[in-house]
Amino acid sequence: MSLAETIIKDVEALSESKQVEVLDFVQYLRSKEEKQEIKDWVDFSLSSAIRGMEDEQAPYSLNDIKESFS
């Protein structure tokens, strides 16, 4: 018996209210996974966009600062 079949069998043995709780938890886990995938994509996209910029010289120096806060 596969893992999915075992889970289905166990869930079917629960009362309907407990099945609703299991469904809520499964939806929470899927949402959490989707958010992580989006975060991973954003991180990858940002790192790709700025790749090589660390080697570029800054266009401004400390002398360009008009106000200094001490």
C-alpha atoms as a PDB file:
ATOM      1  CA  MET A   1       0.000   0.000   0.000  1.00  0.00           C
ATOM      2  CA  SER A   2       1.362   3.409  -0.953  1.00  0.00           C
ATOM      3  CA  LEU A   3       1.734   6.298   1.460  1.00  0.00           C
ATOM      4  CA  ALA A   4      -1.152   8.192  -0.172  1.00  0.00           C
ATOM      5  CA  GLU A   5      -3.419   5.138   0.135  1.00  0.00           C
ATOM      6  CA  THR A   6      -2.494   4.748   3.808  1.00  0.00           C
ATOM      7  CA  ILE A   7      -3.265   8.409   4.475  1.00  0.00           C
ATOM      8  CA  ILE A   8      -6.616   8.166   2.671  1.00  0.00           C
ATOM      9  CA  LYS A   9      -7.552   5.026   4.619  1.00  0.00           C
ATOM     10  CA  ASP A  10      -6.692   6.671   7.947  1.00  0.00           C
ATOM     11  CA  VAL A  11      -8.527   9.895   7.086  1.00  0.00           C
ATOM     12  CA  GLU A  12     -11.638   7.989   6.017  1.00  0.00           C
ATOM     13  CA  ALA A  13     -11.714   6.381   9.472  1.00  0.00           C
ATOM     14  CA  LEU A  14     -12.001   9.811  11.128  1.00  0.00           C
ATOM     15  CA  SER A  15     -15.192  11.705  11.846  1.00  0.00           C
ATOM     16  CA  GLU A  16     -16.200  14.384   9.349  1.00  0.00           C
ATOM     17  CA  SER A  17     -15.156  17.199  11.682  1.00  0.00           C
ATOM     18  CA  LYS A  18     -11.690  15.659  12.033  1.00  0.00           C
ATOM     19  CA  GLN A  19     -11.510  15.220   8.261  1.00  0.00           C
ATOM     20  CA  VAL A  20     -12.159  18.965   7.937  1.00  0.00           C
ATOM     21  CA  GLU A  21      -9.249  19.605  10.331  1.00  0.00           C
ATOM     22  CA  VAL A  22      -7.001  17.359   8.240  1.00  0.00           C
ATOM     23  CA  LEU A  23      -8.060  19.207   5.086  1.00  0.00           C
ATOM     24  CA  ASP A  24      -7.317  22.576   6.732  1.00  0.00           C
ATOM     25  CA  PHE A  25      -3.876  21.340   7.754  1.00  0.00           C
ATOM     26  CA  VAL A  26      -3.114  19.978   4.286  1.00  0.00           C
ATOM     27  CA  GLN A  27      -4.156  23.301   2.724  1.00  0.00           C
ATOM     28  CA  TYR A  28      -1.928  25.131   5.226  1.00  0.00           C
ATOM     29  CA  LEU A  29       1.034  22.938   4.273  1.00  0.00           C
ATOM     30  CA  ARG A  30       0.421  23.504   0.555  1.00  0.00           C
ATOM     31  CA  SER A  31       0.182  27.260   1.100  1.00  0.00           C
ATOM     32  CA  LYS A  32       3.412  27.245   3.097  1.00  0.00           C
ATOM     33  CA  GLU A  33       5.160  25.284   0.343  1.00  0.00           C
ATOM     34  CA  GLU A  34       3.883  27.661  -2.361  1.00  0.00           C
ATOM     35  CA  LYS A  35       5.125  30.674  -0.382  1.00  0.00           C
ATOM     36  CA  GLN A  36       8.554  29.049  -0.057  1.00  0.00           C
ATOM     37  CA  GLU A  37       8.661  28.387  -3.809  1.00  0.00           C
ATOM     38  CA  ILE A  38       7.813  32.042  -4.488  1.00  0.00           C
ATOM     39  CA  LYS A  39      10.494  33.193  -2.021  1.00  0.00           C
ATOM     40  CA  ASP A  40      13.059  30.891  -3.638  1.00  0.00           C
ATOM     41  CA  TRP A  41      12.188  32.277  -7.083  1.00  0.00           C
ATOM     42  CA  VAL A  42      12.419  35.895  -5.868  1.00  0.00           C
ATOM     43  CA  ASP A  43      15.803  35.218  -4.257  1.00  0.00           C
ATOM     44  CA  PHE A  44      17.081  33.563  -7.443  1.00  0.00           C
ATOM     45  CA  SER A  45      15.733  36.358  -9.619  1.00  0.00           C
ATOM     46  CA  LEU A  46      17.306  39.060  -7.461  1.00  0.00           C
ATOM     47  CA  SER A  47      20.663  37.316  -7.282  1.00  0.00           C
ATOM     48  CA  SER A  48      20.618  36.872 -11.065  1.00  0.00           C
ATOM     49  CA  ALA A  49      19.746  40.538 -11.592  1.00  0.00           C
ATOM     50  CA  ILE A  50      22.625  41.833  -9.463  1.00  0.00           C
ATOM     51  CA  ARG A  51      25.204  39.258 -10.535  1.00  0.00           C
ATOM     52  CA  GLY A  52      28.480  40.992 -11.313  1.00  0.00           C
ATOM     53  CA  MET A  53      27.527  44.284  -9.676  1.00  0.00           C
ATOM     54  CA  GLU A  54      29.850  43.646  -6.742  1.00  0.00           C
ATOM     55  CA  ASP A  55      32.776  44.126  -9.135  1.00  0.00           C
ATOM     56  CA  GLU A  56      31.539  47.507 -10.375  1.00  0.00           C
ATOM     57  CA  GLN A  57      32.913  50.702  -8.921  1.00  0.00           C
ATOM     58  CA  ALA A  58      30.468  52.787  -6.903  1.00  0.00           C
ATOM     59  CA  PRO A  59      29.388  55.911  -8.803  1.00  0.00           C
ATOM     60  CA  TYR A  60      29.543  58.000  -5.609  1.00  0.00           C
ATOM     61  CA  SER A  61      32.089  58.513  -2.853  1.00  0.00           C
ATOM     62  CA  LEU A  62      31.870  59.840   0.696  1.00  0.00           C
ATOM     63  CA  ASN A  63      32.763  63.299  -0.676  1.00  0.00           C
ATOM     64  CA  ASP A  64      29.448  63.333  -2.546  1.00  0.00           C
ATOM     65  CA  ILE A  65      27.434  63.265   0.682  1.00  0.00           C
ATOM     66  CA  LYS A  66      25.798  66.637   1.274  1.00  0.00           C
ATOM     67  CA  GLU A  67      24.820  66.021   4.902  1.00  0.00           C
ATOM     68  CA  SER A  68      26.645  64.066   7.518  1.00  0.00           C
ATOM     69  CA  PHE A  69      25.049  62.687  10.642  1.00  0.00           C
ATOM     70  CA  SER A  70      27.192  62.073  13.686  1.00  0.00           C
END
